[in-house]
Amino acid sequence: MALPRSIESLTLYRQTVNGAAIYAEVKPFLSGNGELHFDARVVDSKGRLYLELKKYCTTPLPVTVESNLLAPLKELMKDS
């Protein structure tokens, strides 16, 4: 877990609310220097794109989180 640091780009798409379910898709990746970045999109169940976020970077929290508190999150992300 970390705090926001920077993004490469953010694109908002004009869509009208249509009653379709909306989902966030987030893909983590490592840059060439080993930094963890994320690309994300918000789409609806009909495939319409609402938002794109590229190269979202974080900065570490100033305090550590106990490993037993992180265990449920790690389990959820294990198959990502």
Foldseek 3Di string as FASTA:
>chain_A
DFAWDDFPDKDFDDDDDDPFAKDKDKDWDADPVGFIFIWIWIAGPVGDTGMTTHGTGGDHDPDDDDVVVCVVVCVVVVVD
